[in-house]
Amino acid sequence: MIANPFGFLFFPLKQWQLTATLKPDQYTPYLLYPVLLALIPGIAWYYGTTVSGWAVGDGEGVTRLTTQSALKLIIAFYFTMLISIAVVGYSISWMAKTYGVETTTSKGIVVSAFAATPLFIIGVVGFYPVLWLDLSLGVFAVCWSVYLLYTGIPIVMKMPKEQGFLYTSAIIAVCLVILMCIMGGTVILWDNGFMPVFTD
């Protein structure tokens, strides 16, 4: 099965080779992949911030968000993930011409979503928020996603590794721009009713 999340964690080369065998019109059904997997961190962090809570420093109390506040933040978080995947995917398909590759937007989005698999799966840590653990696993997930991009794009786009390296590096630059936009957007949203509201 191509859309196997754990395959991208443990057997990425095999998964990319299977993905490369798809015809252009066969990528469309896999657009549901990020829609479903993005629910994992969304549900986990909603539960973690409203039920489990987290401790700040050495304090004895547990901090939680109100359900209404958490729901607004998680919905924004969910759509931010999907929009980011779509933008990266569009960038993959748009830059393809520069590197002499014919592709489609749906193929780019699917490649982007498959590469983001570790970020989706590691979202389960949200069920029990622990700062040092979440940061450590988050950094690992980002590194694995970058590795997936560097290994996957040359295989799926059927190009030499050297050319694929330059192509992927350009995509990573797009990812960094998206990250900066998310950080700026967060500040704007916080000033417009999305600021976290904590329970008493």
N, C-alpha and C. Protein backbone atom coordinates (compact mmCIF):
# COMPACT_ATOMS: atom_id res chain seq x y z
N MET A 1 0.85 -1.19 0.00
CA MET A 1 0.00 0.00 0.00
C MET A 1 0.88 1.24 0.00
N ILE A 2 0.60 2.16 -0.92
CA ILE A 2 1.45 3.34 -1.07
C ILE A 2 1.27 4.32 0.08
N ALA A 3 0.02 4.63 0.42
CA ALA A 3 -0.24 5.61 1.47
C ALA A 3 -0.17 4.95 2.84
N ASN A 4 0.97 4.38 3.15
CA ASN A 4 1.19 3.71 4.43
C ASN A 4 2.08 4.60 5.30
N PRO A 5 1.50 5.28 6.28
CA PRO A 5 2.29 6.22 7.09
C PRO A 5 3.53 5.60 7.71
N PHE A 6 3.41 4.39 8.24
CA PHE A 6 4.56 3.77 8.90
C PHE A 6 5.61 3.31 7.88
N GLY A 7 5.18 3.09 6.65
CA GLY A 7 6.13 2.77 5.59
C GLY A 7 7.08 3.93 5.35
N PHE A 8 6.57 5.15 5.44
CA PHE A 8 7.43 6.32 5.24
C PHE A 8 8.36 6.55 6.43
N LEU A 9 8.04 5.94 7.56
CA LEU A 9 8.92 6.04 8.72
C LEU A 9 10.03 4.99 8.68
N PHE A 10 9.68 3.79 8.25
CA PHE A 10 10.62 2.67 8.35
C PHE A 10 11.17 2.17 7.01
N PHE A 11 10.41 2.36 5.93
CA PHE A 11 10.87 1.89 4.61
C PHE A 11 10.64 2.98 3.56
N PRO A 12 11.24 4.15 3.77
CA PRO A 12 10.93 5.29 2.89
C PRO A 12 11.29 5.07 1.42
N LEU A 13 12.42 4.46 1.14
CA LEU A 13 12.82 4.27 -0.26
C LEU A 13 11.82 3.40 -1.01
N LYS A 14 11.37 2.34 -0.36
CA LYS A 14 10.38 1.46 -0.98
C LYS A 14 9.08 2.22 -1.22
N GLN A 15 8.67 3.03 -0.26
CA GLN A 15 7.44 3.80 -0.40
C GLN A 15 7.54 4.80 -1.55
N TRP A 16 8.68 5.46 -1.67
CA TRP A 16 8.86 6.42 -2.76
C TRP A 16 8.89 5.71 -4.11
N GLN A 17 9.49 4.55 -4.16
CA GLN A 17 9.52 3.79 -5.42
C GLN A 17 8.12 3.38 -5.85
N LEU A 18 7.28 3.00 -4.86
CA LEU A 18 5.88 2.67 -5.17
C LEU A 18 5.13 3.91 -5.64
N THR A 19 5.41 5.03 -4.99
CA THR A 19 4.76 6.29 -5.38
C THR A 19 5.13 6.67 -6.80
N ALA A 20 6.37 6.45 -7.18
CA ALA A 20 6.85 6.82 -8.51
C ALA A 20 6.17 6.01 -9.62
N THR A 21 5.58 4.87 -9.27
CA THR A 21 4.93 4.03 -10.29
C THR A 21 3.53 4.53 -10.65
N LEU A 22 2.98 5.46 -9.87
CA LEU A 22 1.64 5.97 -10.15
C LEU A 22 1.61 6.81 -11.42
N LYS A 23 0.50 6.73 -12.12
CA LYS A 23 0.28 7.58 -13.29
C LYS A 23 -0.22 8.94 -12.79
N PRO A 24 -0.07 10.00 -13.59
CA PRO A 24 -0.45 11.35 -13.13
C PRO A 24 -1.87 11.44 -12.56
N ASP A 25 -2.83 10.74 -13.19
CA ASP A 25 -4.21 10.84 -12.71
C ASP A 25 -4.49 9.97 -11.48
N GLN A 26 -3.52 9.16 -11.07
CA GLN A 26 -3.71 8.29 -9.90
C GLN A 26 -3.32 8.96 -8.59
N TYR A 27 -2.83 10.17 -8.64
CA TYR A 27 -2.43 10.87 -7.42
C TYR A 27 -3.61 11.52 -6.71
N THR A 28 -4.66 11.84 -7.46
CA THR A 28 -5.80 12.57 -6.89
C THR A 28 -6.41 11.92 -5.65
N PRO A 29 -6.66 10.59 -5.64
CA PRO A 29 -7.26 10.00 -4.42
C PRO A 29 -6.40 10.18 -3.16
N TYR A 30 -5.09 10.32 -3.36
CA TYR A 30 -4.19 10.45 -2.21
C TYR A 30 -4.20 11.86 -1.60
N LEU A 31 -4.99 12.76 -2.19
CA LEU A 31 -5.12 14.09 -1.60
C LEU A 31 -5.85 14.03 -0.26
N LEU A 32 -6.55 12.93 -0.01
CA LEU A 32 -7.21 12.74 1.29
C LEU A 32 -6.22 12.38 2.39
N TYR A 33 -5.04 11.93 2.01
CA TYR A 33 -4.01 11.51 2.97
C TYR A 33 -3.71 12.59 4.01
N PRO A 34 -3.37 13.83 3.60
CA PRO A 34 -3.09 14.86 4.62
C PRO A 34 -4.35 15.28 5.38
N VAL A 35 -5.50 15.25 4.71
CA VAL A 35 -6.75 15.64 5.37
C VAL A 35 -7.02 14.74 6.57
N LEU A 36 -6.76 13.44 6.41
CA LEU A 36 -7.00 12.49 7.49
C LEU A 36 -5.88 12.50 8.53
N LEU A 37 -4.62 12.50 8.06
CA LEU A 37 -3.50 12.43 9.00
C LEU A 37 -3.36 13.70 9.83
N ALA A 38 -3.78 14.84 9.30
CA ALA A 38 -3.69 16.09 10.06
C ALA A 38 -4.63 16.08 11.27
N LEU A 39 -5.59 15.14 11.27
CA LEU A 39 -6.48 15.01 12.44
C LEU A 39 -5.74 14.48 13.66
N ILE A 40 -4.66 13.71 13.43
CA ILE A 40 -3.91 13.11 14.55
C ILE A 40 -3.38 14.17 15.50
N PRO A 41 -2.55 15.12 15.02
CA PRO A 41 -2.07 16.15 15.96
C PRO A 41 -3.19 17.06 16.44
N GLY A 42 -4.20 17.30 15.60
CA GLY A 42 -5.30 18.16 16.02
C GLY A 42 -6.04 17.60 17.21
N ILE A 43 -6.43 16.34 17.12
CA ILE A 43 -7.17 15.68 18.22
C ILE A 43 -6.28 15.55 19.46
N ALA A 44 -5.02 15.15 19.22
CA ALA A 44 -4.10 14.94 20.34
C ALA A 44 -3.87 16.23 21.12
N TRP A 45 -3.62 17.32 20.43
CA TRP A 45 -3.34 18.58 21.12
C TRP A 45 -4.60 19.19 21.74
N TYR A 46 -5.74 18.92 21.15
CA TYR A 46 -6.99 19.39 21.78
C TYR A 46 -7.16 18.69 23.13
N TYR A 47 -6.97 17.39 23.14
CA TYR A 47 -7.09 16.62 24.38
C TYR A 47 -6.01 17.05 25.38
N GLY A 48 -4.79 17.17 24.90
CA GLY A 48 -3.68 17.50 25.78
C GLY A 48 -3.80 18.86 26.43
N THR A 49 -4.32 19.83 25.68
CA THR A 49 -4.42 21.18 26.25
C THR A 49 -5.67 21.40 27.09
N THR A 50 -6.69 20.56 26.91
CA THR A 50 -7.92 20.75 27.68
C THR A 50 -8.11 19.74 28.81
N VAL A 51 -7.55 18.55 28.65
CA VAL A 51 -7.73 17.49 29.65
C VAL A 51 -6.44 17.21 30.42
N SER A 52 -5.38 16.84 29.71
CA SER A 52 -4.11 16.50 30.38
C SER A 52 -3.48 17.72 31.03
N GLY A 53 -3.38 18.80 30.25
CA GLY A 53 -2.73 20.01 30.75
C GLY A 53 -1.22 19.85 30.82
N TRP A 54 -0.55 20.89 31.25
CA TRP A 54 0.90 20.87 31.36
C TRP A 54 1.34 21.73 32.52
N ALA A 55 2.50 21.39 33.05
CA ALA A 55 3.06 22.15 34.18
C ALA A 55 4.09 23.14 33.66
N VAL A 56 4.08 24.34 34.20
CA VAL A 56 5.03 25.37 33.82
C VAL A 56 6.12 25.44 34.87
N GLY A 57 7.35 25.18 34.47
CA GLY A 57 8.48 25.20 35.41
C GLY A 57 8.30 24.15 36.50
N ASP A 58 8.60 24.53 37.74
CA ASP A 58 8.46 23.63 38.87
C ASP A 58 7.14 23.83 39.61
N GLY A 59 6.22 24.54 38.96
CA GLY A 59 4.94 24.80 39.61
C GLY A 59 4.15 23.54 39.85
N GLU A 60 3.37 23.55 40.90
CA GLU A 60 2.58 22.37 41.24
C GLU A 60 1.28 22.31 40.44
N GLY A 61 0.77 23.45 40.03
CA GLY A 61 -0.49 23.49 39.30
C GLY A 61 -0.33 23.04 37.85
N VAL A 62 -1.45 22.60 37.28
CA VAL A 62 -1.48 22.19 35.88
C VAL A 62 -2.23 23.25 35.08
N THR A 63 -1.67 23.65 33.96
CA THR A 63 -2.27 24.66 33.11
C THR A 63 -3.09 23.99 32.02
N ARG A 64 -4.30 24.50 31.79
CA ARG A 64 -5.16 23.98 30.72
C ARG A 64 -5.83 25.14 30.00
N LEU A 65 -6.27 24.86 28.77
CA LEU A 65 -7.03 25.84 28.01
C LEU A 65 -8.52 25.54 28.17
N THR A 66 -9.33 26.56 28.02
CA THR A 66 -10.77 26.31 27.99
C THR A 66 -11.09 25.57 26.69
N THR A 67 -12.17 24.80 26.70
CA THR A 67 -12.50 24.00 25.50
C THR A 67 -12.80 24.90 24.30
N GLN A 68 -13.44 26.03 24.54
CA GLN A 68 -13.77 26.93 23.43
C GLN A 68 -12.51 27.53 22.82
N SER A 69 -11.60 27.96 23.67
CA SER A 69 -10.34 28.53 23.19
C SER A 69 -9.52 27.49 22.45
N ALA A 70 -9.42 26.29 23.03
CA ALA A 70 -8.64 25.23 22.41
C ALA A 70 -9.22 24.83 21.05
N LEU A 71 -10.55 24.79 20.97
CA LEU A 71 -11.20 24.40 19.72
C LEU A 71 -10.87 25.39 18.60
N LYS A 72 -10.91 26.68 18.90
CA LYS A 72 -10.57 27.70 17.91
C LYS A 72 -9.11 27.54 17.44
N LEU A 73 -8.22 27.35 18.41
CA LEU A 73 -6.81 27.22 18.08
C LEU A 73 -6.53 25.96 17.27
N ILE A 74 -7.19 24.85 17.63
CA ILE A 74 -6.95 23.59 16.94
C ILE A 74 -7.50 23.63 15.51
N ILE A 75 -8.64 24.27 15.32
CA ILE A 75 -9.19 24.40 13.96
C ILE A 75 -8.23 25.23 13.10
N ALA A 76 -7.71 26.32 13.67
CA ALA A 76 -6.74 27.14 12.93
C ALA A 76 -5.47 26.34 12.65
N PHE A 77 -5.03 25.55 13.63
CA PHE A 77 -3.85 24.69 13.49
C PHE A 77 -4.04 23.67 12.38
N TYR A 78 -5.22 23.04 12.35
CA TYR A 78 -5.54 22.01 11.35
C TYR A 78 -5.49 22.60 9.93
N PHE A 79 -6.15 23.72 9.73
CA PHE A 79 -6.17 24.31 8.39
C PHE A 79 -4.81 24.89 8.00
N THR A 80 -4.05 25.33 8.99
CA THR A 80 -2.69 25.80 8.69
C THR A 80 -1.83 24.65 8.17
N MET A 81 -1.98 23.47 8.77
CA MET A 81 -1.24 22.30 8.28
C MET A 81 -1.61 21.99 6.83
N LEU A 82 -2.90 21.97 6.54
CA LEU A 82 -3.36 21.62 5.19
C LEU A 82 -2.93 22.67 4.16
N ILE A 83 -3.04 23.94 4.53
CA ILE A 83 -2.64 25.00 3.60
C ILE A 83 -1.13 24.93 3.35
N SER A 84 -0.35 24.66 4.39
CA SER A 84 1.10 24.55 4.23
C SER A 84 1.46 23.41 3.30
N ILE A 85 0.81 22.26 3.47
CA ILE A 85 1.05 21.11 2.59
C ILE A 85 0.71 21.48 1.15
N ALA A 86 -0.41 22.17 0.96
CA ALA A 86 -0.84 22.55 -0.38
C ALA A 86 0.14 23.53 -1.03
N VAL A 87 0.63 24.50 -0.26
CA VAL A 87 1.56 25.49 -0.81
C VAL A 87 2.89 24.83 -1.17
N VAL A 88 3.39 23.96 -0.30
CA VAL A 88 4.64 23.25 -0.61
C VAL A 88 4.43 22.37 -1.84
N GLY A 89 3.28 21.69 -1.90
CA GLY A 89 2.98 20.83 -3.05
C GLY A 89 2.89 21.62 -4.34
N TYR A 90 2.25 22.78 -4.27
CA TYR A 90 2.17 23.63 -5.47
C TYR A 90 3.57 24.08 -5.89
N SER A 91 4.41 24.40 -4.91
CA SER A 91 5.79 24.82 -5.21
C SER A 91 6.56 23.69 -5.89
N ILE A 92 6.33 22.46 -5.43
CA ILE A 92 7.00 21.31 -6.05
C ILE A 92 6.60 21.20 -7.52
N SER A 93 5.31 21.34 -7.81
CA SER A 93 4.87 21.22 -9.20
C SER A 93 5.28 22.44 -10.03
N TRP A 94 5.26 23.62 -9.42
CA TRP A 94 5.62 24.84 -10.15
C TRP A 94 7.11 24.86 -10.52
N MET A 95 7.96 24.40 -9.58
CA MET A 95 9.40 24.40 -9.85
C MET A 95 9.83 23.27 -10.77
N ALA A 96 8.96 22.32 -11.01
CA ALA A 96 9.32 21.16 -11.82
C ALA A 96 9.81 21.57 -13.21
N LYS A 97 9.17 22.57 -13.80
CA LYS A 97 9.55 23.00 -15.15
C LYS A 97 10.97 23.51 -15.18
N THR A 98 11.39 24.18 -14.11
CA THR A 98 12.76 24.69 -14.03
C THR A 98 13.77 23.56 -14.14
N TYR A 99 13.40 22.39 -13.62
CA TYR A 99 14.31 21.25 -13.62
C TYR A 99 13.98 20.24 -14.71
N GLY A 100 13.17 20.67 -15.68
CA GLY A 100 12.87 19.84 -16.83
C GLY A 100 12.01 18.63 -16.53
N VAL A 101 11.10 18.76 -15.56
CA VAL A 101 10.25 17.64 -15.18
C VAL A 101 8.79 18.01 -15.42
N GLU A 102 8.03 17.07 -15.98
CA GLU A 102 6.60 17.26 -16.16
C GLU A 102 5.87 16.65 -14.96
N THR A 103 5.01 17.43 -14.35
CA THR A 103 4.27 16.92 -13.19
C THR A 103 2.93 17.62 -13.09
N THR A 104 2.16 17.28 -12.06
CA THR A 104 0.85 17.91 -11.84
C THR A 104 0.82 18.48 -10.42
N THR A 105 -0.12 19.37 -10.19
CA THR A 105 -0.26 19.96 -8.85
C THR A 105 -0.63 18.90 -7.82
N SER A 106 -1.52 17.98 -8.19
CA SER A 106 -1.92 16.93 -7.24
C SER A 106 -0.73 16.04 -6.88
N LYS A 107 0.13 15.77 -7.84
CA LYS A 107 1.33 14.96 -7.55
C LYS A 107 2.24 15.70 -6.57
N GLY A 108 2.42 17.01 -6.77
CA GLY A 108 3.25 17.80 -5.87
C GLY A 108 2.69 17.81 -4.46
N ILE A 109 1.37 17.96 -4.34
CA ILE A 109 0.75 18.00 -3.02
C ILE A 109 0.89 16.64 -2.32
N VAL A 110 0.73 15.56 -3.07
CA VAL A 110 0.86 14.22 -2.49
C VAL A 110 2.28 13.98 -2.01
N VAL A 111 3.26 14.37 -2.81
CA VAL A 111 4.67 14.23 -2.40
C VAL A 111 4.92 15.04 -1.13
N SER A 112 4.39 16.25 -1.09
CA SER A 112 4.53 17.10 0.10
C SER A 112 3.89 16.44 1.32
N ALA A 113 2.70 15.89 1.14
CA ALA A 113 1.99 15.24 2.25
C ALA A 113 2.72 14.00 2.74
N PHE A 114 3.22 13.19 1.81
CA PHE A 114 3.95 11.99 2.20
C PHE A 114 5.21 12.35 2.98
N ALA A 115 5.89 13.42 2.55
CA ALA A 115 7.11 13.85 3.25
C ALA A 115 6.81 14.38 4.65
N ALA A 116 5.59 14.90 4.85
CA ALA A 116 5.21 15.44 6.16
C ALA A 116 4.69 14.37 7.11
N THR A 117 4.68 13.11 6.68
CA THR A 117 4.15 12.02 7.51
C THR A 117 4.71 12.00 8.94
N PRO A 118 6.04 12.13 9.13
CA PRO A 118 6.56 12.12 10.51
C PRO A 118 5.97 13.22 11.38
N LEU A 119 5.72 14.38 10.79
CA LEU A 119 5.16 15.49 11.56
C LEU A 119 3.73 15.19 11.99
N PHE A 120 2.97 14.52 11.13
CA PHE A 120 1.61 14.13 11.50
C PHE A 120 1.63 13.10 12.62
N ILE A 121 2.45 12.08 12.45
CA ILE A 121 2.45 10.97 13.40
C ILE A 121 2.98 11.40 14.77
N ILE A 122 4.01 12.24 14.76
CA ILE A 122 4.59 12.66 16.04
C ILE A 122 3.63 13.56 16.81
N GLY A 123 2.57 13.98 16.13
CA GLY A 123 1.55 14.79 16.79
C GLY A 123 0.88 14.09 17.95
N VAL A 124 1.00 12.76 18.05
CA VAL A 124 0.38 12.03 19.16
C VAL A 124 0.95 12.45 20.51
N VAL A 125 2.14 13.06 20.52
CA VAL A 125 2.71 13.51 21.79
C VAL A 125 1.84 14.58 22.44
N GLY A 126 0.96 15.17 21.65
CA GLY A 126 0.08 16.20 22.18
C GLY A 126 -0.89 15.70 23.24
N PHE A 127 -1.13 14.39 23.27
CA PHE A 127 -2.05 13.85 24.28
C PHE A 127 -1.53 14.11 25.70
N TYR A 128 -0.21 14.18 25.84
CA TYR A 128 0.36 14.43 27.16
C TYR A 128 1.51 15.41 27.00
N PRO A 129 1.22 16.72 26.99
CA PRO A 129 2.24 17.73 26.71
C PRO A 129 3.38 17.76 27.74
N VAL A 130 4.57 17.44 27.29
CA VAL A 130 5.79 17.56 28.09
C VAL A 130 6.80 18.29 27.22
N LEU A 131 7.19 19.49 27.63
CA LEU A 131 7.97 20.38 26.78
C LEU A 131 9.23 19.73 26.21
N TRP A 132 10.09 19.17 27.06
CA TRP A 132 11.36 18.63 26.58
C TRP A 132 11.16 17.45 25.64
N LEU A 133 10.17 16.61 25.93
CA LEU A 133 9.90 15.45 25.09
C LEU A 133 9.32 15.88 23.75
N ASP A 134 8.36 16.79 23.78
CA ASP A 134 7.73 17.27 22.56
C ASP A 134 8.72 17.96 21.64
N LEU A 135 9.60 18.78 22.22
CA LEU A 135 10.61 19.46 21.42
C LEU A 135 11.59 18.47 20.80
N SER A 136 12.03 17.50 21.58
CA SER A 136 12.99 16.51 21.08
C SER A 136 12.40 15.71 19.93
N LEU A 137 11.20 15.19 20.13
CA LEU A 137 10.55 14.40 19.09
C LEU A 137 10.17 15.27 17.89
N GLY A 138 9.82 16.53 18.16
CA GLY A 138 9.49 17.45 17.07
C GLY A 138 10.68 17.71 16.17
N VAL A 139 11.85 17.92 16.76
CA VAL A 139 13.07 18.14 15.98
C VAL A 139 13.39 16.90 15.15
N PHE A 140 13.24 15.72 15.76
CA PHE A 140 13.47 14.47 15.03
C PHE A 140 12.51 14.36 13.84
N ALA A 141 11.23 14.68 14.06
CA ALA A 141 10.23 14.58 13.00
C ALA A 141 10.54 15.54 11.85
N VAL A 142 10.98 16.75 12.18
CA VAL A 142 11.34 17.71 11.13
C VAL A 142 12.52 17.20 10.32
N CYS A 143 13.53 16.66 11.02
CA CYS A 143 14.70 16.12 10.33
C CYS A 143 14.31 14.96 9.41
N TRP A 144 13.42 14.09 9.89
CA TRP A 144 13.01 12.94 9.08
C TRP A 144 12.19 13.40 7.87
N SER A 145 11.39 14.44 8.04
CA SER A 145 10.61 14.97 6.91
C SER A 145 11.53 15.58 5.85
N VAL A 146 12.56 16.28 6.30
CA VAL A 146 13.53 16.84 5.35
C VAL A 146 14.24 15.70 4.61
N TYR A 147 14.60 14.64 5.35
CA TYR A 147 15.23 13.47 4.72
C TYR A 147 14.28 12.86 3.68
N LEU A 148 13.00 12.76 4.01
CA LEU A 148 12.03 12.20 3.08
C LEU A 148 11.94 13.04 1.80
N LEU A 149 11.99 14.35 1.96
CA LEU A 149 11.96 15.21 0.77
C LEU A 149 13.19 14.98 -0.10
N TYR A 150 14.36 14.95 0.55
CA TYR A 150 15.60 14.79 -0.22
C TYR A 150 15.69 13.43 -0.91
N THR A 151 15.14 12.40 -0.29
CA THR A 151 15.18 11.08 -0.94
C THR A 151 14.02 10.89 -1.91
N GLY A 152 12.87 11.49 -1.60
CA GLY A 152 11.67 11.24 -2.40
C GLY A 152 11.59 11.99 -3.71
N ILE A 153 11.95 13.26 -3.71
CA ILE A 153 11.80 14.06 -4.93
C ILE A 153 12.59 13.48 -6.11
N PRO A 154 13.86 13.10 -5.95
CA PRO A 154 14.57 12.52 -7.10
C PRO A 154 13.92 11.24 -7.62
N ILE A 155 13.39 10.42 -6.70
CA ILE A 155 12.78 9.15 -7.11
C ILE A 155 11.45 9.38 -7.82
N VAL A 156 10.58 10.16 -7.20
CA VAL A 156 9.24 10.37 -7.76
C VAL A 156 9.30 11.21 -9.04
N MET A 157 10.18 12.19 -9.08
CA MET A 157 10.29 13.05 -10.27
C MET A 157 11.22 12.46 -11.33
N LYS A 158 11.82 11.31 -11.00
CA LYS A 158 12.68 10.59 -11.96
C LYS A 158 13.80 11.49 -12.51
N MET A 159 14.65 11.93 -11.60
CA MET A 159 15.76 12.78 -11.98
C MET A 159 17.02 12.34 -11.25
N PRO A 160 18.20 12.74 -11.72
CA PRO A 160 19.45 12.40 -11.03
C PRO A 160 19.47 12.99 -9.62
N LYS A 161 20.17 12.31 -8.70
CA LYS A 161 20.22 12.76 -7.31
C LYS A 161 20.78 14.17 -7.17
N GLU A 162 21.80 14.50 -7.99
CA GLU A 162 22.41 15.83 -7.89
C GLU A 162 21.40 16.91 -8.23
N GLN A 163 20.63 16.69 -9.30
CA GLN A 163 19.61 17.65 -9.69
C GLN A 163 18.48 17.68 -8.66
N GLY A 164 18.15 16.50 -8.14
CA GLY A 164 17.12 16.40 -7.11
C GLY A 164 17.51 17.13 -5.84
N PHE A 165 18.81 17.14 -5.54
CA PHE A 165 19.28 17.85 -4.34
C PHE A 165 19.01 19.34 -4.46
N LEU A 166 19.30 19.92 -5.64
CA LEU A 166 19.06 21.35 -5.84
C LEU A 166 17.56 21.66 -5.82
N TYR A 167 16.79 20.80 -6.45
CA TYR A 167 15.34 20.94 -6.49
C TYR A 167 14.77 20.93 -5.06
N THR A 168 15.18 19.95 -4.28
CA THR A 168 14.68 19.82 -2.91
C THR A 168 15.14 20.98 -2.04
N SER A 169 16.36 21.44 -2.23
CA SER A 169 16.87 22.57 -1.45
C SER A 169 16.01 23.81 -1.68
N ALA A 170 15.56 23.99 -2.92
CA ALA A 170 14.68 25.12 -3.23
C ALA A 170 13.34 24.95 -2.51
N ILE A 171 12.85 23.73 -2.43
CA ILE A 171 11.59 23.46 -1.73
C ILE A 171 11.75 23.70 -0.23
N ILE A 172 12.89 23.32 0.33
CA ILE A 172 13.15 23.57 1.75
C ILE A 172 13.13 25.07 2.03
N ALA A 173 13.66 25.86 1.10
CA ALA A 173 13.63 27.32 1.25
C ALA A 173 12.19 27.82 1.30
N VAL A 174 11.33 27.23 0.47
CA VAL A 174 9.90 27.59 0.49
C VAL A 174 9.31 27.24 1.85
N CYS A 175 9.68 26.08 2.39
CA CYS A 175 9.18 25.66 3.70
C CYS A 175 9.57 26.65 4.79
N LEU A 176 10.78 27.18 4.72
CA LEU A 176 11.23 28.16 5.71
C LEU A 176 10.44 29.46 5.60
N VAL A 177 10.11 29.85 4.36
CA VAL A 177 9.29 31.06 4.16
C VAL A 177 7.90 30.83 4.76
N ILE A 178 7.34 29.64 4.54
CA ILE A 178 6.03 29.32 5.09
C ILE A 178 6.07 29.38 6.62
N LEU A 179 7.16 28.87 7.21
CA LEU A 179 7.30 28.91 8.66
C LEU A 179 7.28 30.34 9.18
N MET A 180 7.99 31.23 8.48
CA MET A 180 8.01 32.64 8.89
C MET A 180 6.61 33.25 8.77
N CYS A 181 5.88 32.87 7.70
CA CYS A 181 4.52 33.39 7.51
C CYS A 181 3.59 32.89 8.62
N ILE A 182 3.77 31.64 9.03
CA ILE A 182 2.95 31.09 10.11
C ILE A 182 3.22 31.83 11.41
N MET A 183 4.49 32.11 11.68
CA MET A 183 4.83 32.84 12.90
C MET A 183 4.22 34.24 12.90
N GLY A 184 4.30 34.91 11.75
CA GLY A 184 3.70 36.23 11.65
C GLY A 184 2.18 36.17 11.74
N GLY A 185 1.59 35.15 11.09
CA GLY A 185 0.15 34.97 11.13
C GLY A 185 -0.36 34.68 12.53
N THR A 186 0.44 33.97 13.31
CA THR A 186 0.06 33.66 14.69
C THR A 186 -0.09 34.94 15.51
N VAL A 187 0.84 35.85 15.34
CA VAL A 187 0.77 37.12 16.07
C VAL A 187 -0.50 37.88 15.68
N ILE A 188 -0.80 37.89 14.38
CA ILE A 188 -1.99 38.61 13.91
C ILE A 188 -3.26 37.96 14.46
N LEU A 189 -3.31 36.62 14.43
CA LEU A 189 -4.48 35.92 14.94
C LEU A 189 -4.67 36.15 16.44
N TRP A 190 -3.58 36.15 17.18
CA TRP A 190 -3.66 36.37 18.63
C TRP A 190 -4.25 37.74 18.94
N ASP A 191 -3.98 38.71 18.07
CA ASP A 191 -4.52 40.05 18.27
C ASP A 191 -5.96 40.18 17.79
N ASN A 192 -6.48 39.11 17.19
CA ASN A 192 -7.83 39.16 16.64
C ASN A 192 -8.72 38.03 17.15
N GLY A 193 -8.61 37.74 18.43
CA GLY A 193 -9.55 36.81 19.06
C GLY A 193 -9.10 35.37 19.20
N PHE A 194 -7.87 35.05 18.78
CA PHE A 194 -7.40 33.67 18.89
C PHE A 194 -6.38 33.49 20.01
N MET A 195 -6.29 34.46 20.90
CA MET A 195 -5.36 34.33 22.02
C MET A 195 -5.85 33.22 22.96
N PRO A 196 -4.94 32.39 23.46
CA PRO A 196 -5.36 31.29 24.36
C PRO A 196 -6.04 31.82 25.61
N VAL A 197 -7.09 31.13 26.02
CA VAL A 197 -7.80 31.46 27.25
C VAL A 197 -7.62 30.27 28.20
N PHE A 198 -7.04 30.52 29.37
CA PHE A 198 -6.72 29.45 30.30
C PHE A 198 -7.85 29.27 31.33
N THR A 199 -7.96 28.04 31.82
CA THR A 199 -8.96 27.76 32.86
C THR A 199 -8.45 28.32 34.18
N ASP A 200 -9.35 28.54 35.11
CA ASP A 200 -8.97 29.08 36.43
C ASP A 200 -8.32 28.01 37.29
